[in-house]
Amino acid sequence: MTAPPQRRLRLGPLRRPAGMFSAAPGKLRRRVGTAARLLGALFLVGGLYTAFVPHTPAAADDQPALSATAAQGKQLYETSCITCHGRNAQGVPGRGPSLIGVGSAAVEFQVGTGRMPAVRQEAQIERKTPLFTQDQARQIGAYIQELGGGPSLPADANLGGGDVSRGGALFRVNCSSCHAFGGGGGALSSGKYAPSLDEATARDMYTAMLSGPQNMPVFGDNQLSPDEKRDIIAYVQHLQNDGDPGGWGIGRIGPVTEGLAIFLIGIVALVFTTLWIAGKS
């Protein structure tokens, strides 16, 4: 018997199922197209915003250019004031307050009277020999003014020519309760005091009324007009230059107190004189 012939299986070419790999390139193209359209829309919106929104470089400038006077004041500030009041006058906790908004008037008064720079924190900072000249004090004041604004003395301010009589009435109403009727000063609470006005200049008094240093209230133009401020200055200058016709004025603390002091001193002197005469006789 002969073996049956073996049949060979013939396999035809492999065929891929329809849509098996063709879907992937289509999805990729769609995703790339979507991303491109999104980027194009973003660029279009950005271009329209740049074209139509006005550009304001001044608003974006955090540090506008300083005037020549303020630039000189900045150099002085960074030499003597930055340790306590900080960079850009923001203040340093435990050392010194912020100077933003105090104005040039406060700086001129404190620096011009030698109260600043201060050696240490005290209840009352006394007047002393100034470390800076008046011009330097104005330069520092100009820097603080341009940095944060605040009360300032006008450059063309006229500080003279006030009415002494009217100034005396205003002084007695607004100032004598602290500075006494004769401008000699007086004690306040917590170790503080109102200083004597014997050495105060016209500029010192005007800037003090504008800024209200330490315990002094602020006398803005709505409380005392510029003319009334000049009248008060004229009255204080009259006190500074007018001599005491009666001799020893005891600081001009008032006629009742002066009369009482003279009476007591006179009585004591008479008693001792009587005892001395009685002892001799």
C-alpha atoms as a PDB file:
ATOM      1  CA  MET A   1       0.000   0.000   0.000  1.00  0.00           C
ATOM      2  CA  THR A   2       1.229   3.369  -0.710  1.00  0.00           C
ATOM      3  CA  ALA A   3       0.893   6.350   1.743  1.00  0.00           C
ATOM      4  CA  PRO A   4      -1.542   9.024   0.751  1.00  0.00           C
ATOM      5  CA  PRO A   5       0.118  12.073  -0.634  1.00  0.00           C
ATOM      6  CA  GLN A   6       0.636  14.921   1.890  1.00  0.00           C
ATOM      7  CA  ARG A   7      -1.108  18.178   1.157  1.00  0.00           C
ATOM      8  CA  ARG A   8       0.671  21.419   1.707  1.00  0.00           C
ATOM      9  CA  LEU A   9      -1.214  24.347   3.064  1.00  0.00           C
ATOM     10  CA  ARG A  10      -0.589  27.534   1.199  1.00  0.00           C
ATOM     11  CA  LEU A  11      -1.034  30.702   3.164  1.00  0.00           C
ATOM     12  CA  GLY A  12      -1.900  33.807   1.297  1.00  0.00           C
ATOM     13  CA  PRO A  13      -0.550  37.300   2.134  1.00  0.00           C
ATOM     14  CA  LEU A  14      -1.552  38.669   5.561  1.00  0.00           C
ATOM     15  CA  ARG A  15      -4.169  41.356   5.392  1.00  0.00           C
ATOM     16  CA  ARG A  16      -4.588  44.085   8.069  1.00  0.00           C
ATOM     17  CA  PRO A  17      -8.038  44.661   9.383  1.00  0.00           C
ATOM     18  CA  ALA A  18      -9.563  47.738   7.951  1.00  0.00           C
ATOM     19  CA  GLY A  19      -9.000  50.843  10.172  1.00  0.00           C
ATOM     20  CA  MET A  20      -6.527  49.120  12.517  1.00  0.00           C
ATOM     21  CA  PHE A  21      -3.649  51.616  12.116  1.00  0.00           C
ATOM     22  CA  SER A  22      -5.187  54.351  10.060  1.00  0.00           C
ATOM     23  CA  ALA A  23      -7.009  55.850  13.037  1.00  0.00           C
ATOM     24  CA  ALA A  24      -3.851  56.833  14.956  1.00  0.00           C
ATOM     25  CA  PRO A  25      -2.421  59.277  12.396  1.00  0.00           C
ATOM     26  CA  GLY A  26      -5.815  60.942  12.068  1.00  0.00           C
ATOM     27  CA  LYS A  27      -6.157  61.595  15.808  1.00  0.00           C
ATOM     28  CA  LEU A  28      -2.602  62.934  15.994  1.00  0.00           C
ATOM     29  CA  ARG A  29      -3.268  65.340  13.147  1.00  0.00           C
ATOM     30  CA  ARG A  30      -6.445  66.553  14.829  1.00  0.00           C
ATOM     31  CA  ARG A  31      -4.636  67.152  18.146  1.00  0.00           C
ATOM     32  CA  VAL A  32      -1.804  69.037  16.455  1.00  0.00           C
ATOM     33  CA  GLY A  33      -4.322  71.135  14.579  1.00  0.00           C
ATOM     34  CA  THR A  34      -6.240  71.973  17.755  1.00  0.00           C
ATOM     35  CA  ALA A  35      -3.050  73.010  19.574  1.00  0.00           C
ATOM     36  CA  ALA A  36      -1.997  75.172  16.621  1.00  0.00           C
ATOM     37  CA  ARG A  37      -5.373  76.902  16.494  1.00  0.00           C
ATOM     38  CA  LEU A  38      -5.241  77.520  20.288  1.00  0.00           C
ATOM     39  CA  LEU A  39      -1.774  79.058  20.088  1.00  0.00           C
ATOM     40  CA  GLY A  40      -2.875  81.185  17.172  1.00  0.00           C
ATOM     41  CA  ALA A  41      -5.860  82.482  19.129  1.00  0.00           C
ATOM     42  CA  LEU A  42      -3.644  83.326  22.114  1.00  0.00           C
ATOM     43  CA  PHE A  43      -1.205  85.227  19.920  1.00  0.00           C
ATOM     44  CA  LEU A  44      -4.089  87.068  18.285  1.00  0.00           C
ATOM     45  CA  VAL A  45      -5.586  88.131  21.643  1.00  0.00           C
ATOM     46  CA  GLY A  46      -2.181  89.219  22.928  1.00  0.00           C
ATOM     47  CA  GLY A  47      -1.543  91.270  19.822  1.00  0.00           C
ATOM     48  CA  LEU A  48      -4.917  93.002  20.054  1.00  0.00           C
ATOM     49  CA  TYR A  49      -4.332  93.789  23.762  1.00  0.00           C
ATOM     50  CA  THR A  50      -0.911  95.275  23.022  1.00  0.00           C
ATOM     51  CA  ALA A  51      -2.293  97.317  20.157  1.00  0.00           C
ATOM     52  CA  PHE A  52      -5.344  98.819  21.837  1.00  0.00           C
ATOM     53  CA  VAL A  53      -4.472  99.102  25.589  1.00  0.00           C
ATOM     54  CA  PRO A  54      -2.639 102.398  26.294  1.00  0.00           C
ATOM     55  CA  HIS A  55       0.864 102.043  27.650  1.00  0.00           C
ATOM     56  CA  THR A  56       1.543 104.062  30.857  1.00  0.00           C
ATOM     57  CA  PRO A  57       5.220 103.747  31.751  1.00  0.00           C
ATOM     58  CA  ALA A  58       4.888 106.341  34.523  1.00  0.00           C
ATOM     59  CA  ALA A  59       2.459 104.151  36.466  1.00  0.00           C
ATOM     60  CA  ALA A  60       4.781 101.164  36.189  1.00  0.00           C
ATOM     61  CA  ASP A  61       7.782 103.137  37.398  1.00  0.00           C
ATOM     62  CA  ASP A  62       8.113 102.414  41.108  1.00  0.00           C
ATOM     63  CA  GLN A  63      10.829 104.996  41.670  1.00  0.00           C
ATOM     64  CA  PRO A  64      10.262 108.181  39.658  1.00  0.00           C
ATOM     65  CA  ALA A  65      13.195 110.454  39.059  1.00  0.00           C
ATOM     66  CA  LEU A  66      14.033 112.770  41.967  1.00  0.00           C
ATOM     67  CA  SER A  67      14.719 116.469  41.697  1.00  0.00           C
ATOM     68  CA  ALA A  68      18.276 117.693  42.198  1.00  0.00           C
ATOM     69  CA  THR A  69      17.509 118.876  45.742  1.00  0.00           C
ATOM     70  CA  ALA A  70      15.822 115.599  46.660  1.00  0.00           C
ATOM     71  CA  ALA A  71      18.708 113.595  45.194  1.00  0.00           C
ATOM     72  CA  GLN A  72      21.130 115.442  47.460  1.00  0.00           C
ATOM     73  CA  GLY A  73      18.773 114.819  50.365  1.00  0.00           C
ATOM     74  CA  LYS A  74      18.703 111.110  49.557  1.00  0.00           C
ATOM     75  CA  GLN A  75      22.483 110.933  49.874  1.00  0.00           C
ATOM     76  CA  LEU A  76      22.313 112.630  53.289  1.00  0.00           C
ATOM     77  CA  TYR A  77      19.447 110.353  54.346  1.00  0.00           C
ATOM     78  CA  GLU A  78      21.350 107.201  53.434  1.00  0.00           C
ATOM     79  CA  THR A  79      24.329 108.460  55.415  1.00  0.00           C
ATOM     80  CA  SER A  80      22.630 109.432  58.688  1.00  0.00           C
ATOM     81  CA  CYS A  81      18.968 108.350  58.735  1.00  0.00           C
ATOM     82  CA  ILE A  82      18.626 104.963  57.051  1.00  0.00           C
ATOM     83  CA  THR A  83      19.750 103.004  60.123  1.00  0.00           C
ATOM     84  CA  CYS A  84      16.657 103.987  62.122  1.00  0.00           C
ATOM     85  CA  HIS A  85      14.107 104.844  59.434  1.00  0.00           C
ATOM     86  CA  GLY A  86      15.000 102.141  56.923  1.00  0.00           C
ATOM     87  CA  ARG A  87      15.409 102.029  53.180  1.00  0.00           C
ATOM     88  CA  ASN A  88      12.852 104.198  51.377  1.00  0.00           C
ATOM     89  CA  ALA A  89      11.825 105.622  54.794  1.00  0.00           C
ATOM     90  CA  GLN A  90       9.617 102.630  55.606  1.00  0.00           C
ATOM     91  CA  GLY A  91      10.738 102.607  59.259  1.00  0.00           C
ATOM     92  CA  VAL A  92      12.556 100.014  61.356  1.00  0.00           C
ATOM     93  CA  PRO A  93      10.657  98.305  64.229  1.00  0.00           C
ATOM     94  CA  GLY A  94      12.106  99.285  67.582  1.00  0.00           C
ATOM     95  CA  ARG A  95      14.353 101.969  66.078  1.00  0.00           C
ATOM     96  CA  GLY A  96      12.396 104.572  64.182  1.00  0.00           C
ATOM     97  CA  PRO A  97       8.946 105.162  62.642  1.00  0.00           C
ATOM     98  CA  SER A  98       8.062 105.330  58.983  1.00  0.00           C
ATOM     99  CA  LEU A  99       8.463 108.751  57.391  1.00  0.00           C
ATOM    100  CA  ILE A 100       5.995 108.126  54.581  1.00  0.00           C
ATOM    101  CA  GLY A 101       3.460 110.945  54.690  1.00  0.00           C
ATOM    102  CA  VAL A 102       5.148 113.088  57.375  1.00  0.00           C
ATOM    103  CA  GLY A 103       6.159 115.700  54.794  1.00  0.00           C
ATOM    104  CA  SER A 104       9.110 118.019  54.541  1.00  0.00           C
ATOM    105  CA  ALA A 105       7.801 120.295  57.311  1.00  0.00           C
ATOM    106  CA  ALA A 106       8.337 117.631  59.978  1.00  0.00           C
ATOM    107  CA  VAL A 107      11.802 116.800  58.653  1.00  0.00           C
ATOM    108  CA  GLU A 108      12.860 120.441  58.552  1.00  0.00           C
ATOM    109  CA  PHE A 109      11.712 120.989  62.128  1.00  0.00           C
ATOM    110  CA  GLN A 110      13.298 117.856  63.590  1.00  0.00           C
ATOM    111  CA  VAL A 111      16.590 118.120  61.685  1.00  0.00           C
ATOM    112  CA  GLY A 112      16.818 121.925  61.770  1.00  0.00           C
ATOM    113  CA  THR A 113      16.456 122.059  65.568  1.00  0.00           C
ATOM    114  CA  GLY A 114      18.958 119.240  66.150  1.00  0.00           C
ATOM    115  CA  ARG A 115      16.365 116.831  67.538  1.00  0.00           C
ATOM    116  CA  MET A 116      17.229 114.454  64.723  1.00  0.00           C
ATOM    117  CA  PRO A 117      19.325 112.404  64.354  1.00  0.00           C
ATOM    118  CA  ALA A 118      18.434 111.239  67.874  1.00  0.00           C
ATOM    119  CA  VAL A 119      20.943 109.490  70.099  1.00  0.00           C
ATOM    120  CA  ARG A 120      18.319 107.236  71.713  1.00  0.00           C
ATOM    121  CA  GLN A 121      14.589 106.840  72.204  1.00  0.00           C
ATOM    122  CA  GLU A 122      13.342 109.140  74.985  1.00  0.00           C
ATOM    123  CA  ALA A 123      10.068 110.493  76.301  1.00  0.00           C
ATOM    124  CA  GLN A 124      11.115 113.915  75.025  1.00  0.00           C
ATOM    125  CA  ILE A 125      13.823 114.687  72.489  1.00  0.00           C
ATOM    126  CA  GLU A 126      15.456 117.970  73.407  1.00  0.00           C
ATOM    127  CA  ARG A 127      16.699 120.696  71.126  1.00  0.00           C
ATOM    128  CA  LYS A 128      20.449 120.607  70.559  1.00  0.00           C
ATOM    129  CA  THR A 129      23.063 121.915  68.155  1.00  0.00           C
ATOM    130  CA  PRO A 130      22.008 120.774  64.667  1.00  0.00           C
ATOM    131  CA  LEU A 131      24.148 118.222  62.873  1.00  0.00           C
ATOM    132  CA  PHE A 132      23.089 119.548  59.472  1.00  0.00           C
ATOM    133  CA  THR A 133      22.800 123.052  58.086  1.00  0.00           C
ATOM    134  CA  GLN A 134      19.416 124.543  57.207  1.00  0.00           C
ATOM    135  CA  ASP A 135      20.040 123.892  53.512  1.00  0.00           C
ATOM    136  CA  GLN A 136      20.842 120.240  54.214  1.00  0.00           C
ATOM    137  CA  ALA A 137      17.719 119.925  56.377  1.00  0.00           C
ATOM    138  CA  ARG A 138      15.649 121.242  53.451  1.00  0.00           C
ATOM    139  CA  GLN A 139      17.317 118.768  51.088  1.00  0.00           C
ATOM    140  CA  ILE A 140      16.433 115.820  53.332  1.00  0.00           C
ATOM    141  CA  GLY A 141      12.929 117.239  53.673  1.00  0.00           C
ATOM    142  CA  ALA A 142      12.615 117.479  49.880  1.00  0.00           C
ATOM    143  CA  TYR A 143      13.580 113.799  49.554  1.00  0.00           C
ATOM    144  CA  ILE A 144      10.991 112.688  52.125  1.00  0.00           C
ATOM    145  CA  GLN A 145       8.387 114.958  50.502  1.00  0.00           C
ATOM    146  CA  GLU A 146       8.893 113.451  47.048  1.00  0.00           C
ATOM    147  CA  LEU A 147       9.028 109.958  48.520  1.00  0.00           C
ATOM    148  CA  GLY A 148       5.733 110.014  50.432  1.00  0.00           C
ATOM    149  CA  GLY A 149       4.164 113.485  50.465  1.00  0.00           C
ATOM    150  CA  GLY A 150       2.754 115.277  53.495  1.00  0.00           C
ATOM    151  CA  PRO A 151       2.641 118.814  54.961  1.00  0.00           C
ATOM    152  CA  SER A 152       5.240 121.111  53.457  1.00  0.00           C
ATOM    153  CA  LEU A 153       6.236 124.733  53.786  1.00  0.00           C
ATOM    154  CA  PRO A 154       5.722 126.590  50.495  1.00  0.00           C
ATOM    155  CA  ALA A 155       8.954 127.705  48.872  1.00  0.00           C
ATOM    156  CA  ASP A 156       7.674 131.280  48.635  1.00  0.00           C
ATOM    157  CA  ALA A 157       6.139 131.350  52.131  1.00  0.00           C
ATOM    158  CA  ASN A 158       6.239 134.789  53.753  1.00  0.00           C
ATOM    159  CA  LEU A 159       6.930 134.325  57.472  1.00  0.00           C
ATOM    160  CA  GLY A 160       7.152 137.989  58.429  1.00  0.00           C
ATOM    161  CA  GLY A 161       4.863 140.975  58.713  1.00  0.00           C
ATOM    162  CA  GLY A 162       2.357 139.498  61.144  1.00  0.00           C
ATOM    163  CA  ASP A 163       0.099 141.431  63.523  1.00  0.00           C
ATOM    164  CA  VAL A 164       1.567 141.242  67.041  1.00  0.00           C
ATOM    165  CA  SER A 165      -1.687 142.165  68.804  1.00  0.00           C
ATOM    166  CA  ARG A 166      -3.771 139.626  66.927  1.00  0.00           C
ATOM    167  CA  GLY A 167      -1.005 137.059  67.318  1.00  0.00           C
ATOM    168  CA  GLY A 168      -1.051 137.543  71.083  1.00  0.00           C
ATOM    169  CA  ALA A 169      -4.764 136.764  71.209  1.00  0.00           C
ATOM    170  CA  LEU A 170      -4.287 133.658  69.056  1.00  0.00           C
ATOM    171  CA  PHE A 171      -1.304 132.533  71.113  1.00  0.00           C
ATOM    172  CA  ARG A 172      -3.216 132.797  74.389  1.00  0.00           C
ATOM    173  CA  VAL A 173      -6.076 130.712  72.971  1.00  0.00           C
ATOM    174  CA  ASN A 174      -4.078 128.027  71.142  1.00  0.00           C
ATOM    175  CA  CYS A 175      -0.569 127.879  72.607  1.00  0.00           C
ATOM    176  CA  SER A 176      -0.370 129.285  76.150  1.00  0.00           C
ATOM    177  CA  SER A 177      -1.874 126.202  77.814  1.00  0.00           C
ATOM    178  CA  CYS A 178       1.339 124.299  77.027  1.00  0.00           C
ATOM    179  CA  HIS A 179       3.983 126.920  76.287  1.00  0.00           C
ATOM    180  CA  ALA A 180       2.815 129.354  79.021  1.00  0.00           C
ATOM    181  CA  PHE A 181       1.791 132.956  78.393  1.00  0.00           C
ATOM    182  CA  GLY A 182       5.368 134.116  78.025  1.00  0.00           C
ATOM    183  CA  GLY A 183       6.541 131.239  75.789  1.00  0.00           C
ATOM    184  CA  GLY A 184       8.705 129.748  78.520  1.00  0.00           C
ATOM    185  CA  GLY A 185       7.298 126.231  78.139  1.00  0.00           C
ATOM    186  CA  GLY A 186       5.782 123.945  80.731  1.00  0.00           C
ATOM    187  CA  ALA A 187       5.636 120.398  82.033  1.00  0.00           C
ATOM    188  CA  LEU A 188       3.347 117.752  80.562  1.00  0.00           C
ATOM    189  CA  SER A 189       2.558 114.192  81.588  1.00  0.00           C
ATOM    190  CA  SER A 190       4.817 111.085  81.401  1.00  0.00           C
ATOM    191  CA  GLY A 191       8.074 113.016  81.523  1.00  0.00           C
ATOM    192  CA  LYS A 192       7.230 115.202  78.554  1.00  0.00           C
ATOM    193  CA  TYR A 193       7.126 118.968  78.330  1.00  0.00           C
ATOM    194  CA  ALA A 194       6.369 121.838  76.001  1.00  0.00           C
ATOM    195  CA  PRO A 195       9.723 123.441  75.142  1.00  0.00           C
ATOM    196  CA  SER A 196      10.615 127.075  75.563  1.00  0.00           C
ATOM    197  CA  LEU A 197      10.214 129.278  72.505  1.00  0.00           C
ATOM    198  CA  ASP A 198      13.158 131.536  73.318  1.00  0.00           C
ATOM    199  CA  GLU A 199      15.346 130.015  70.563  1.00  0.00           C
ATOM    200  CA  ALA A 200      12.616 129.193  68.055  1.00  0.00           C
ATOM    201  CA  THR A 201      12.998 130.781  64.627  1.00  0.00           C
ATOM    202  CA  ALA A 202      10.113 131.772  62.381  1.00  0.00           C
ATOM    203  CA  ARG A 203      10.696 128.697  60.223  1.00  0.00           C
ATOM    204  CA  ASP A 204      10.844 126.451  63.310  1.00  0.00           C
ATOM    205  CA  MET A 205       7.473 127.716  64.521  1.00  0.00           C
ATOM    206  CA  TYR A 206       5.767 127.495  61.126  1.00  0.00           C
ATOM    207  CA  THR A 207       6.962 123.931  60.432  1.00  0.00           C
ATOM    208  CA  ALA A 208       6.001 122.911  63.990  1.00  0.00           C
ATOM    209  CA  MET A 209       2.466 124.199  63.506  1.00  0.00           C
ATOM    210  CA  LEU A 210       2.220 122.305  60.208  1.00  0.00           C
ATOM    211  CA  SER A 211       3.613 118.994  61.471  1.00  0.00           C
ATOM    212  CA  GLY A 212       2.714 118.854  65.194  1.00  0.00           C
ATOM    213  CA  PRO A 213       5.946 117.383  66.602  1.00  0.00           C
ATOM    214  CA  GLN A 214       5.788 115.064  69.638  1.00  0.00           C
ATOM    215  CA  ASN A 215       2.814 116.148  71.810  1.00  0.00           C
ATOM    216  CA  MET A 216       1.992 119.300  69.880  1.00  0.00           C
ATOM    217  CA  PRO A 217      -1.264 119.192  67.889  1.00  0.00           C
ATOM    218  CA  VAL A 218      -1.245 119.863  64.164  1.00  0.00           C
ATOM    219  CA  PHE A 219      -2.503 123.319  63.183  1.00  0.00           C
ATOM    220  CA  GLY A 220      -3.409 122.941  59.532  1.00  0.00           C
ATOM    221  CA  ASP A 221      -4.710 125.770  57.431  1.00  0.00           C
ATOM    222  CA  ASN A 222      -8.253 124.835  58.441  1.00  0.00           C
ATOM    223  CA  GLN A 223      -7.374 125.446  62.115  1.00  0.00           C
ATOM    224  CA  LEU A 224      -5.043 128.416  61.673  1.00  0.00           C
ATOM    225  CA  SER A 225      -4.767 130.185  58.349  1.00  0.00           C
ATOM    226  CA  PRO A 226      -1.307 131.140  57.002  1.00  0.00           C
ATOM    227  CA  ASP A 227      -1.961 134.748  58.053  1.00  0.00           C
ATOM    228  CA  GLU A 228      -2.843 133.658  61.599  1.00  0.00           C
ATOM    229  CA  LYS A 229       0.313 131.560  61.771  1.00  0.00           C
ATOM    230  CA  ARG A 230       2.342 134.624  60.793  1.00  0.00           C
ATOM    231  CA  ASP A 231       0.577 136.639  63.498  1.00  0.00           C
ATOM    232  CA  ILE A 232       1.540 134.080  66.157  1.00  0.00           C
ATOM    233  CA  ILE A 233       5.128 134.090  64.903  1.00  0.00           C
ATOM    234  CA  ALA A 234       5.195 137.888  65.134  1.00  0.00           C
ATOM    235  CA  TYR A 235       3.938 137.744  68.739  1.00  0.00           C
ATOM    236  CA  VAL A 236       6.537 135.163  69.793  1.00  0.00           C
ATOM    237  CA  GLN A 237       9.296 137.178  68.139  1.00  0.00           C
ATOM    238  CA  HIS A 238       8.036 140.215  70.040  1.00  0.00           C
ATOM    239  CA  LEU A 239       8.405 138.246  73.280  1.00  0.00           C
ATOM    240  CA  GLN A 240      11.915 137.201  72.287  1.00  0.00           C
ATOM    241  CA  ASN A 241      13.077 140.746  71.558  1.00  0.00           C
ATOM    242  CA  ASP A 242      11.134 142.711  74.176  1.00  0.00           C
ATOM    243  CA  GLY A 243      12.973 143.299  77.449  1.00  0.00           C
ATOM    244  CA  ASP A 244      11.396 143.160  80.890  1.00  0.00           C
ATOM    245  CA  PRO A 245      10.749 146.788  81.926  1.00  0.00           C
ATOM    246  CA  GLY A 246      10.203 145.727  85.519  1.00  0.00           C
ATOM    247  CA  GLY A 247      13.555 143.980  85.862  1.00  0.00           C
ATOM    248  CA  TRP A 248      13.532 140.336  86.893  1.00  0.00           C
ATOM    249  CA  GLY A 249      10.581 138.724  85.091  1.00  0.00           C
ATOM    250  CA  ILE A 250      10.881 135.221  86.621  1.00  0.00           C
ATOM    251  CA  GLY A 251      10.388 133.660  83.227  1.00  0.00           C
ATOM    252  CA  ARG A 252       7.196 135.663  82.627  1.00  0.00           C
ATOM    253  CA  ILE A 253       5.173 133.003  84.366  1.00  0.00           C
ATOM    254  CA  GLY A 254       2.431 135.480  85.217  1.00  0.00           C
ATOM    255  CA  PRO A 255       1.784 138.569  87.383  1.00  0.00           C
ATOM    256  CA  VAL A 256       0.098 136.672  90.244  1.00  0.00           C
ATOM    257  CA  THR A 257       2.937 134.198  90.629  1.00  0.00           C
ATOM    258  CA  GLU A 258       5.551 136.894  90.268  1.00  0.00           C
ATOM    259  CA  GLY A 259       3.809 139.085  92.852  1.00  0.00           C
ATOM    260  CA  LEU A 260       3.543 136.162  95.273  1.00  0.00           C
ATOM    261  CA  ALA A 261       7.235 135.352  94.853  1.00  0.00           C
ATOM    262  CA  ILE A 262       8.207 138.971  95.482  1.00  0.00           C
ATOM    263  CA  PHE A 263       5.919 139.137  98.539  1.00  0.00           C
ATOM    264  CA  LEU A 264       7.355 135.982 100.090  1.00  0.00           C
ATOM    265  CA  ILE A 265      10.933 137.003  99.410  1.00  0.00           C
ATOM    266  CA  GLY A 266      10.260 140.487 100.797  1.00  0.00           C
ATOM    267  CA  ILE A 267       8.543 139.182 103.973  1.00  0.00           C
ATOM    268  CA  VAL A 268      11.371 136.727 104.668  1.00  0.00           C
ATOM    269  CA  ALA A 269      13.938 139.459 104.142  1.00  0.00           C
ATOM    270  CA  LEU A 270      12.042 141.809 106.514  1.00  0.00           C
ATOM    271  CA  VAL A 271      11.780 139.112 109.203  1.00  0.00           C
ATOM    272  CA  PHE A 272      15.493 138.371 109.106  1.00  0.00           C
ATOM    273  CA  THR A 273      16.311 142.084 109.070  1.00  0.00           C
ATOM    274  CA  THR A 274      14.070 142.637 112.150  1.00  0.00           C
ATOM    275  CA  LEU A 275      15.686 139.754 114.011  1.00  0.00           C
ATOM    276  CA  TRP A 276      19.149 141.046 113.151  1.00  0.00           C
ATOM    277  CA  ILE A 277      18.315 144.554 114.382  1.00  0.00           C
ATOM    278  CA  ALA A 278      16.736 143.157 117.549  1.00  0.00           C
ATOM    279  CA  GLY A 279      19.823 141.073 118.218  1.00  0.00           C
ATOM    280  CA  LYS A 280      22.124 144.047 117.824  1.00  0.00           C
ATOM    281  CA  SER A 281      20.068 146.228 120.114  1.00  0.00           C
END
